[in-house]
């Protein structure tokens, strides 16, 4: 989770916490039955074009937007949020 808190854009297999995340414009998911092929497909068709698409100032706007959304997504999966939820569910109710 440290990576996502720092704006790293994920490219991952759907498992564990990743099923709970909204992946729209925050990263990419790989086919668990064909990781190798799906990774190279995404790299060739999505990831590279997103990174290298630059605006008039030379900035990768879409990439930066995805980084910001990744940082916001990290709040959902922080230990602090989980502990607060446990307190509410287990001790307050």
PDB file of N, CA and C in Angstrom:
ATOM      1  N   UNK A   1       0.812  -1.193   0.000  1.00  0.00           N
ATOM      2  CA  UNK A   1       0.000   0.000   0.000  1.00  0.00           C
ATOM      3  C   UNK A   1       0.857   1.260   0.000  1.00  0.00           C
ATOM      4  N   UNK A   2       2.109   1.133   0.396  1.00  0.00           N
ATOM      5  CA  UNK A   2       2.966   2.314   0.403  1.00  0.00           C
ATOM      6  C   UNK A   2       3.126   2.873  -1.007  1.00  0.00           C
ATOM      7  N   UNK A   3       3.226   2.011  -1.989  1.00  0.00           N
ATOM      8  CA  UNK A   3       3.401   2.473  -3.365  1.00  0.00           C
ATOM      9  C   UNK A   3       2.217   3.321  -3.811  1.00  0.00           C
ATOM     10  N   UNK A   4       1.013   2.840  -3.571  1.00  0.00           N
ATOM     11  CA  UNK A   4      -0.177   3.572  -4.005  1.00  0.00           C
ATOM     12  C   UNK A   4      -0.303   4.905  -3.263  1.00  0.00           C
ATOM     13  N   UNK A   5       0.160   4.969  -2.029  1.00  0.00           N
ATOM     14  CA  UNK A   5       0.143   6.220  -1.265  1.00  0.00           C
ATOM     15  C   UNK A   5       1.085   7.255  -1.862  1.00  0.00           C
ATOM     16  N   UNK A   6       2.066   6.795  -2.615  1.00  0.00           N
ATOM     17  CA  UNK A   6       3.032   7.690  -3.252  1.00  0.00           C
ATOM     18  C   UNK A   6       2.715   7.945  -4.724  1.00  0.00           C
ATOM     19  N   UNK A   7       1.539   7.535  -5.161  1.00  0.00           N
ATOM     20  CA  UNK A   7       1.115   7.825  -6.525  1.00  0.00           C
ATOM     21  C   UNK A   7       1.558   6.831  -7.570  1.00  0.00           C
ATOM     22  N   UNK A   8       2.035   5.675  -7.147  1.00  0.00           N
ATOM     23  CA  UNK A   8       2.422   4.648  -8.115  1.00  0.00           C
ATOM     24  C   UNK A   8       1.151   4.076  -8.743  1.00  0.00           C
ATOM     25  N   UNK A   9       1.162   3.958 -10.042  1.00  0.00           N
ATOM     26  CA  UNK A   9       0.007   3.419 -10.753  1.00  0.00           C
ATOM     27  C   UNK A   9       0.168   1.906 -10.822  1.00  0.00           C
ATOM     28  N   UNK A  10      -0.825   1.194 -10.318  1.00  0.00           N
ATOM     29  CA  UNK A  10      -0.739  -0.262 -10.234  1.00  0.00           C
ATOM     30  C   UNK A  10      -1.097  -0.951 -11.537  1.00  0.00           C
ATOM     31  N   UNK A  11      -0.438  -2.049 -11.763  1.00  0.00           N
ATOM     32  CA  UNK A  11      -0.765  -3.002 -12.810  1.00  0.00           C
ATOM     33  C   UNK A  11      -0.687  -4.344 -12.099  1.00  0.00           C
ATOM     34  N   UNK A  12      -1.833  -4.919 -11.777  1.00  0.00           N
ATOM     35  CA  UNK A  12      -1.850  -6.054 -10.861  1.00  0.00           C
ATOM     36  C   UNK A  12      -2.915  -7.077 -11.228  1.00  0.00           C
ATOM     37  N   UNK A  13      -2.793  -8.238 -10.634  1.00  0.00           N
ATOM     38  CA  UNK A  13      -3.803  -9.290 -10.767  1.00  0.00           C
ATOM     39  C   UNK A  13      -4.902  -9.003  -9.754  1.00  0.00           C
ATOM     40  N   UNK A  14      -6.141  -9.234 -10.135  1.00  0.00           N
ATOM     41  CA  UNK A  14      -7.241  -9.056  -9.197  1.00  0.00           C
ATOM     42  C   UNK A  14      -7.206 -10.170  -8.159  1.00  0.00           C
ATOM     43  N   UNK A  15      -6.856  -9.800  -6.940  1.00  0.00           N
ATOM     44  CA  UNK A  15      -6.914 -10.722  -5.813  1.00  0.00           C
ATOM     45  C   UNK A  15      -6.877  -9.897  -4.533  1.00  0.00           C
ATOM     46  N   UNK A  16      -7.359 -10.466  -3.457  1.00  0.00           N
ATOM     47  CA  UNK A  16      -7.330  -9.766  -2.173  1.00  0.00           C
ATOM     48  C   UNK A  16      -8.002  -8.410  -2.233  1.00  0.00           C
ATOM     49  N   UNK A  17      -7.280  -7.384  -1.783  1.00  0.00           N
ATOM     50  CA  UNK A  17      -7.838  -6.033  -1.707  1.00  0.00           C
ATOM     51  C   UNK A  17      -8.189  -5.461  -3.066  1.00  0.00           C
ATOM     52  N   UNK A  18      -7.578  -5.953  -4.123  1.00  0.00           N
ATOM     53  CA  UNK A  18      -7.783  -5.345  -5.437  1.00  0.00           C
ATOM     54  C   UNK A  18      -9.210  -5.499  -5.946  1.00  0.00           C
ATOM     55  N   UNK A  19      -9.939  -6.504  -5.455  1.00  0.00           N
ATOM     56  CA  UNK A  19     -11.338  -6.650  -5.849  1.00  0.00           C
ATOM     57  C   UNK A  19     -12.187  -5.502  -5.312  1.00  0.00           C
ATOM     58  N   UNK A  20     -11.760  -4.914  -4.220  1.00  0.00           N
ATOM     59  CA  UNK A  20     -12.529  -3.850  -3.587  1.00  0.00           C
ATOM     60  C   UNK A  20     -12.260  -2.476  -4.182  1.00  0.00           C
ATOM     61  N   UNK A  21     -11.239  -2.359  -4.993  1.00  0.00           N
ATOM     62  CA  UNK A  21     -10.846  -1.054  -5.543  1.00  0.00           C
ATOM     63  C   UNK A  21     -11.572  -0.761  -6.849  1.00  0.00           C
ATOM     64  N   UNK A  22     -11.806   0.513  -7.087  1.00  0.00           N
ATOM     65  CA  UNK A  22     -12.335   0.965  -8.367  1.00  0.00           C
ATOM     66  C   UNK A  22     -11.138   1.240  -9.272  1.00  0.00           C
ATOM     67  N   UNK A  23     -10.953   0.439 -10.293  1.00  0.00           N
ATOM     68  CA  UNK A  23      -9.766   0.531 -11.141  1.00  0.00           C
ATOM     69  C   UNK A  23      -9.923   1.498 -12.301  1.00  0.00           C
ATOM     70  N   UNK A  24     -11.071   2.136 -12.416  1.00  0.00           N
ATOM     71  CA  UNK A  24     -11.276   3.082 -13.511  1.00  0.00           C
ATOM     72  C   UNK A  24     -10.346   4.287 -13.349  1.00  0.00           C
ATOM     73  N   UNK A  25      -9.448   4.454 -14.269  1.00  0.00           N
ATOM     74  CA  UNK A  25      -8.479   5.564 -14.283  1.00  0.00           C
ATOM     75  C   UNK A  25      -7.536   5.596 -13.082  1.00  0.00           C
ATOM     76  N   UNK A  26      -7.300   4.449 -12.452  1.00  0.00           N
ATOM     77  CA  UNK A  26      -6.327   4.400 -11.354  1.00  0.00           C
ATOM     78  C   UNK A  26      -5.223   3.387 -11.611  1.00  0.00           C
ATOM     79  N   UNK A  27      -5.396   2.532 -12.587  1.00  0.00           N
ATOM     80  CA  UNK A  27      -4.403   1.510 -12.882  1.00  0.00           C
ATOM     81  C   UNK A  27      -4.985   0.468 -13.814  1.00  0.00           C
ATOM     82  N   UNK A  28      -4.310  -0.651 -13.914  1.00  0.00           N
ATOM     83  CA  UNK A  28      -4.725  -1.703 -14.826  1.00  0.00           C
ATOM     84  C   UNK A  28      -4.705  -3.043 -14.107  1.00  0.00           C
ATOM     85  N   UNK A  29      -5.595  -3.931 -14.533  1.00  0.00           N
ATOM     86  CA  UNK A  29      -5.625  -5.278 -13.959  1.00  0.00           C
ATOM     87  C   UNK A  29      -5.246  -6.298 -15.029  1.00  0.00           C
ATOM     88  N   UNK A  30      -4.577  -7.332 -14.577  1.00  0.00           N
ATOM     89  CA  UNK A  30      -4.107  -8.395 -15.459  1.00  0.00           C
ATOM     90  C   UNK A  30      -5.016  -9.607 -15.366  1.00  0.00           C
ATOM     91  N   UNK A  31      -5.107 -10.335 -16.447  1.00  0.00           N
ATOM     92  CA  UNK A  31      -5.853 -11.584 -16.477  1.00  0.00           C
ATOM     93  C   UNK A  31      -5.070 -12.623 -15.676  1.00  0.00           C
ATOM     94  N   UNK A  32      -5.630 -13.139 -14.571  1.00  0.00           N
ATOM     95  CA  UNK A  32      -4.883 -14.088 -13.741  1.00  0.00           C
ATOM     96  C   UNK A  32      -4.566 -15.404 -14.448  1.00  0.00           C
ATOM     97  N   UNK A  33      -5.318 -15.720 -15.492  1.00  0.00           N
ATOM     98  CA  UNK A  33      -5.069 -16.956 -16.226  1.00  0.00           C
ATOM     99  C   UNK A  33      -4.018 -16.791 -17.323  1.00  0.00           C
ATOM    100  N   UNK A  34      -3.689 -15.544 -17.629  1.00  0.00           N
ATOM    101  CA  UNK A  34      -2.716 -15.299 -18.687  1.00  0.00           C
ATOM    102  C   UNK A  34      -1.965 -13.998 -18.392  1.00  0.00           C
ATOM    103  N   UNK A  35      -1.238 -13.991 -17.295  1.00  0.00           N
ATOM    104  CA  UNK A  35      -0.564 -12.787 -16.803  1.00  0.00           C
ATOM    105  C   UNK A  35       0.424 -12.244 -17.832  1.00  0.00           C
ATOM    106  N   UNK A  36       1.251 -13.103 -18.359  1.00  0.00           N
ATOM    107  CA  UNK A  36       2.293 -12.684 -19.300  1.00  0.00           C
ATOM    108  C   UNK A  36       1.688 -11.964 -20.506  1.00  0.00           C
ATOM    109  N   UNK A  37       0.744 -12.597 -21.158  1.00  0.00           N
ATOM    110  CA  UNK A  37       0.150 -12.014 -22.367  1.00  0.00           C
ATOM    111  C   UNK A  37      -0.632 -10.748 -22.048  1.00  0.00           C
ATOM    112  N   UNK A  38      -1.385 -10.763 -20.962  1.00  0.00           N
ATOM    113  CA  UNK A  38      -2.174  -9.573 -20.636  1.00  0.00           C
ATOM    114  C   UNK A  38      -1.282  -8.405 -20.230  1.00  0.00           C
ATOM    115  N   UNK A  39      -0.152  -8.684 -19.569  1.00  0.00           N
ATOM    116  CA  UNK A  39       0.774  -7.609 -19.215  1.00  0.00           C
ATOM    117  C   UNK A  39       1.336  -6.951 -20.471  1.00  0.00           C
ATOM    118  N   UNK A  40       1.816  -7.757 -21.405  1.00  0.00           N
ATOM    119  CA  UNK A  40       2.394  -7.183 -22.621  1.00  0.00           C
ATOM    120  C   UNK A  40       1.345  -6.492 -23.480  1.00  0.00           C
ATOM    121  N   UNK A  41       0.133  -7.019 -23.479  1.00  0.00           N
ATOM    122  CA  UNK A  41      -0.954  -6.352 -24.208  1.00  0.00           C
ATOM    123  C   UNK A  41      -1.205  -4.966 -23.615  1.00  0.00           C
ATOM    124  N   UNK A  42      -1.335  -4.890 -22.295  1.00  0.00           N
ATOM    125  CA  UNK A  42      -1.555  -3.591 -21.646  1.00  0.00           C
ATOM    126  C   UNK A  42      -0.375  -2.653 -21.848  1.00  0.00           C
ATOM    127  N   UNK A  43       0.817  -3.183 -21.749  1.00  0.00           N
ATOM    128  CA  UNK A  43       2.010  -2.362 -21.936  1.00  0.00           C
ATOM    129  C   UNK A  43       2.032  -1.739 -23.335  1.00  0.00           C
ATOM    130  N   UNK A  44       1.698  -2.538 -24.329  1.00  0.00           N
ATOM    131  CA  UNK A  44       1.738  -2.061 -25.712  1.00  0.00           C
ATOM    132  C   UNK A  44       0.564  -1.161 -26.076  1.00  0.00           C
ATOM    133  N   UNK A  45      -0.611  -1.411 -25.504  1.00  0.00           N
ATOM    134  CA  UNK A  45      -1.812  -0.690 -25.941  1.00  0.00           C
ATOM    135  C   UNK A  45      -2.277   0.411 -24.993  1.00  0.00           C
ATOM    136  N   UNK A  46      -1.959   0.314 -23.718  1.00  0.00           N
ATOM    137  CA  UNK A  46      -2.496   1.280 -22.749  1.00  0.00           C
ATOM    138  C   UNK A  46      -1.409   2.020 -21.971  1.00  0.00           C
ATOM    139  N   UNK A  47      -0.556   1.279 -21.320  1.00  0.00           N
ATOM    140  CA  UNK A  47       0.390   1.881 -20.374  1.00  0.00           C
ATOM    141  C   UNK A  47       1.343   2.850 -21.068  1.00  0.00           C
ATOM    142  N   UNK A  48       2.000   2.392 -22.124  1.00  0.00           N
ATOM    143  CA  UNK A  48       2.987   3.258 -22.790  1.00  0.00           C
ATOM    144  C   UNK A  48       2.326   4.482 -23.401  1.00  0.00           C
ATOM    145  N   UNK A  49       1.188   4.303 -24.041  1.00  0.00           N
ATOM    146  CA  UNK A  49       0.533   5.458 -24.664  1.00  0.00           C
ATOM    147  C   UNK A  49       0.050   6.456 -23.612  1.00  0.00           C
ATOM    148  N   UNK A  50      -0.391   5.968 -22.473  1.00  0.00           N
ATOM    149  CA  UNK A  50      -0.818   6.870 -21.399  1.00  0.00           C
ATOM    150  C   UNK A  50       0.362   7.668 -20.871  1.00  0.00           C
ATOM    151  N   UNK A  51       1.479   7.022 -20.685  1.00  0.00           N
ATOM    152  CA  UNK A  51       2.655   7.711 -20.158  1.00  0.00           C
ATOM    153  C   UNK A  51       3.252   8.703 -21.163  1.00  0.00           C
ATOM    154  N   UNK A  52       3.348   8.294 -22.409  1.00  0.00           N
ATOM    155  CA  UNK A  52       4.026   9.136 -23.401  1.00  0.00           C
ATOM    156  C   UNK A  52       3.126  10.184 -24.056  1.00  0.00           C
ATOM    157  N   UNK A  53       1.839  10.164 -23.791  1.00  0.00           N
ATOM    158  CA  UNK A  53       0.943  11.196 -24.316  1.00  0.00           C
ATOM    159  C   UNK A  53       1.142  12.469 -23.496  1.00  0.00           C
ATOM    160  N   UNK A  54       1.683  13.514 -24.126  1.00  0.00           N
ATOM    161  CA  UNK A  54       2.053  14.743 -23.414  1.00  0.00           C
ATOM    162  C   UNK A  54       1.233  15.926 -23.913  1.00  0.00           C
ATOM    163  N   UNK A  55       1.027  16.885 -23.022  1.00  0.00           N
ATOM    164  CA  UNK A  55       0.357  18.122 -23.411  1.00  0.00           C
ATOM    165  C   UNK A  55       1.372  19.121 -23.961  1.00  0.00           C
ATOM    166  N   UNK A  56       0.918  20.339 -24.200  1.00  0.00           N
ATOM    167  CA  UNK A  56       1.802  21.351 -24.800  1.00  0.00           C
ATOM    168  C   UNK A  56       2.976  21.738 -23.906  1.00  0.00           C
ATOM    169  N   UNK A  57       2.888  21.403 -22.615  1.00  0.00           N
ATOM    170  CA  UNK A  57       3.979  21.700 -21.684  1.00  0.00           C
ATOM    171  C   UNK A  57       4.893  20.490 -21.452  1.00  0.00           C
ATOM    172  N   UNK A  58       4.588  19.408 -22.157  1.00  0.00           N
ATOM    173  CA  UNK A  58       5.406  18.206 -22.025  1.00  0.00           C
ATOM    174  C   UNK A  58       5.031  17.330 -20.841  1.00  0.00           C
ATOM    175  N   UNK A  59       3.854  17.585 -20.265  1.00  0.00           N
ATOM    176  CA  UNK A  59       3.413  16.814 -19.094  1.00  0.00           C
ATOM    177  C   UNK A  59       2.472  15.687 -19.504  1.00  0.00           C
ATOM    178  N   UNK A  60       2.613  14.520 -18.898  1.00  0.00           N
ATOM    179  CA  UNK A  60       1.694  13.411 -19.170  1.00  0.00           C
ATOM    180  C   UNK A  60       0.422  13.571 -18.328  1.00  0.00           C
ATOM    181  N   UNK A  61      -0.509  14.410 -18.786  1.00  0.00           N
ATOM    182  CA  UNK A  61      -1.696  14.786 -17.999  1.00  0.00           C
ATOM    183  C   UNK A  61      -2.494  13.576 -17.510  1.00  0.00           C
ATOM    184  N   UNK A  62      -2.779  12.640 -18.390  1.00  0.00           N
ATOM    185  CA  UNK A  62      -3.565  11.456 -18.014  1.00  0.00           C
ATOM    186  C   UNK A  62      -2.824  10.650 -16.941  1.00  0.00           C
ATOM    187  N   UNK A  63      -1.520  10.500 -17.100  1.00  0.00           N
ATOM    188  CA  UNK A  63      -0.705   9.756 -16.139  1.00  0.00           C
ATOM    189  C   UNK A  63      -0.753  10.432 -14.771  1.00  0.00           C
ATOM    190  N   UNK A  64      -0.611  11.745 -14.767  1.00  0.00           N
ATOM    191  CA  UNK A  64      -0.652  12.510 -13.517  1.00  0.00           C
ATOM    192  C   UNK A  64      -2.022  12.391 -12.860  1.00  0.00           C
ATOM    193  N   UNK A  65      -3.083  12.437 -13.663  1.00  0.00           N
ATOM    194  CA  UNK A  65      -4.443  12.260 -13.135  1.00  0.00           C
ATOM    195  C   UNK A  65      -4.587  10.889 -12.476  1.00  0.00           C
ATOM    196  N   UNK A  66      -4.037   9.863 -13.112  1.00  0.00           N
ATOM    197  CA  UNK A  66      -4.099   8.512 -12.548  1.00  0.00           C
ATOM    198  C   UNK A  66      -3.293   8.426 -11.257  1.00  0.00           C
ATOM    199  N   UNK A  67      -2.160   9.106 -11.196  1.00  0.00           N
ATOM    200  CA  UNK A  67      -1.359   9.130  -9.966  1.00  0.00           C
ATOM    201  C   UNK A  67      -2.162   9.754  -8.824  1.00  0.00           C
ATOM    202  N   UNK A  68      -2.824  10.859  -9.106  1.00  0.00           N
ATOM    203  CA  UNK A  68      -3.630  11.535  -8.079  1.00  0.00           C
ATOM    204  C   UNK A  68      -4.777  10.654  -7.600  1.00  0.00           C
ATOM    205  N   UNK A  69      -5.421   9.960  -8.530  1.00  0.00           N
ATOM    206  CA  UNK A  69      -6.511   9.058  -8.143  1.00  0.00           C
ATOM    207  C   UNK A  69      -5.987   7.883  -7.322  1.00  0.00           C
ATOM    208  N   UNK A  70      -4.793   7.422  -7.630  1.00  0.00           N
ATOM    209  CA  UNK A  70      -4.182   6.346  -6.840  1.00  0.00           C
ATOM    210  C   UNK A  70      -3.941   6.793  -5.407  1.00  0.00           C
ATOM    211  N   UNK A  71      -3.455   8.011  -5.254  1.00  0.00           N
ATOM    212  CA  UNK A  71      -3.209   8.540  -3.910  1.00  0.00           C
ATOM    213  C   UNK A  71      -4.520   8.626  -3.131  1.00  0.00           C
ATOM    214  N   UNK A  72      -5.584   9.102  -3.776  1.00  0.00           N
ATOM    215  CA  UNK A  72      -6.895   9.176  -3.110  1.00  0.00           C
ATOM    216  C   UNK A  72      -7.407   7.779  -2.753  1.00  0.00           C
ATOM    217  N   UNK A  73      -7.161   6.822  -3.629  1.00  0.00           N
ATOM    218  CA  UNK A  73      -7.597   5.443  -3.401  1.00  0.00           C
ATOM    219  C   UNK A  73      -6.930   4.844  -2.169  1.00  0.00           C
ATOM    220  N   UNK A  74      -5.726   5.276  -1.872  1.00  0.00           N
ATOM    221  CA  UNK A  74      -4.986   4.709  -0.739  1.00  0.00           C
ATOM    222  C   UNK A  74      -5.692   4.947   0.591  1.00  0.00           C
ATOM    223  N   UNK A  75      -6.477   6.010   0.704  1.00  0.00           N
ATOM    224  CA  UNK A  75      -7.212   6.272   1.947  1.00  0.00           C
ATOM    225  C   UNK A  75      -8.181   5.141   2.286  1.00  0.00           C
ATOM    226  N   UNK A  76      -8.766   4.532   1.262  1.00  0.00           N
ATOM    227  CA  UNK A  76      -9.711   3.434   1.482  1.00  0.00           C
ATOM    228  C   UNK A  76      -9.046   2.220   2.120  1.00  0.00           C
ATOM    229  N   UNK A  77      -7.758   2.052   1.898  1.00  0.00           N
ATOM    230  CA  UNK A  77      -7.078   0.834   2.307  1.00  0.00           C
ATOM    231  C   UNK A  77      -6.009   1.066   3.365  1.00  0.00           C
ATOM    232  N   UNK A  78      -6.071   2.200   4.020  1.00  0.00           N
ATOM    233  CA  UNK A  78      -5.081   2.496   5.053  1.00  0.00           C
ATOM    234  C   UNK A  78      -5.409   1.749   6.343  1.00  0.00           C
ATOM    235  N   UNK A  79      -4.403   1.468   7.121  1.00  0.00           N
ATOM    236  CA  UNK A  79      -4.587   0.809   8.414  1.00  0.00           C
ATOM    237  C   UNK A  79      -5.429   1.676   9.330  1.00  0.00           C
ATOM    238  N   UNK A  80      -5.240   2.972   9.259  1.00  0.00           N
ATOM    239  CA  UNK A  80      -6.012   3.896  10.091  1.00  0.00           C
ATOM    240  C   UNK A  80      -7.509   3.757   9.818  1.00  0.00           C
ATOM    241  N   UNK A  81      -7.904   3.708   8.543  1.00  0.00           N
ATOM    242  CA  UNK A  81      -9.313   3.562   8.198  1.00  0.00           C
ATOM    243  C   UNK A  81      -9.854   2.216   8.664  1.00  0.00           C
ATOM    244  N   UNK A  82      -9.079   1.172   8.480  1.00  0.00           N
ATOM    245  CA  UNK A  82      -9.512  -0.167   8.886  1.00  0.00           C
ATOM    246  C   UNK A  82      -9.721  -0.227  10.395  1.00  0.00           C
ATOM    247  N   UNK A  83      -8.796   0.324  11.158  1.00  0.00           N
ATOM    248  CA  UNK A  83      -8.932   0.318  12.619  1.00  0.00           C
ATOM    249  C   UNK A  83     -10.147   1.113  13.074  1.00  0.00           C
ATOM    250  N   UNK A  84     -10.404   2.242  12.445  1.00  0.00           N
ATOM    251  CA  UNK A  84     -11.592   3.033  12.782  1.00  0.00           C
ATOM    252  C   UNK A  84     -12.861   2.238  12.494  1.00  0.00           C
ATOM    253  N   UNK A  85     -12.880   1.538  11.373  1.00  0.00           N
ATOM    254  CA  UNK A  85     -14.043   0.727  11.026  1.00  0.00           C
ATOM    255  C   UNK A  85     -14.230  -0.405  12.033  1.00  0.00           C
ATOM    256  N   UNK A  86     -13.151  -1.064  12.427  1.00  0.00           N
ATOM    257  CA  UNK A  86     -13.235  -2.121  13.433  1.00  0.00           C
ATOM    258  C   UNK A  86     -13.777  -1.584  14.751  1.00  0.00           C
ATOM    259  N   UNK A  87     -13.302  -0.426  15.167  1.00  0.00           N
ATOM    260  CA  UNK A  87     -13.782   0.169  16.420  1.00  0.00           C
ATOM    261  C   UNK A  87     -15.285   0.399  16.358  1.00  0.00           C
ATOM    262  N   UNK A  88     -15.742   0.955  15.265  1.00  0.00           N
ATOM    263  CA  UNK A  88     -17.175   1.241  15.119  1.00  0.00           C
ATOM    264  C   UNK A  88     -17.991  -0.043  15.098  1.00  0.00           C
ATOM    265  N   UNK A  89     -17.534  -1.021  14.343  1.00  0.00           N
ATOM    266  CA  UNK A  89     -18.302  -2.254  14.182  1.00  0.00           C
ATOM    267  C   UNK A  89     -18.255  -3.151  15.417  1.00  0.00           C
ATOM    268  N   UNK A  90     -17.120  -3.210  16.084  1.00  0.00           N
ATOM    269  CA  UNK A  90     -16.957  -4.155  17.180  1.00  0.00           C
ATOM    270  C   UNK A  90     -17.252  -3.579  18.561  1.00  0.00           C
ATOM    271  N   UNK A  91     -16.990  -2.311  18.748  1.00  0.00           N
ATOM    272  CA  UNK A  91     -17.062  -1.781  20.103  1.00  0.00           C
ATOM    273  C   UNK A  91     -18.153  -0.748  20.326  1.00  0.00           C
ATOM    274  N   UNK A  92     -18.526  -0.034  19.317  1.00  0.00           N
ATOM    275  CA  UNK A  92     -19.515   1.018  19.513  1.00  0.00           C
ATOM    276  C   UNK A  92     -20.924   0.490  19.327  1.00  0.00           C
ATOM    277  N   UNK A  93     -21.129  -0.409  18.401  1.00  0.00           N
ATOM    278  CA  UNK A  93     -22.486  -0.923  18.140  1.00  0.00           C
ATOM    279  C   UNK A  93     -22.879  -1.950  19.143  1.00  0.00           C
TER     280      UNK A  93
END
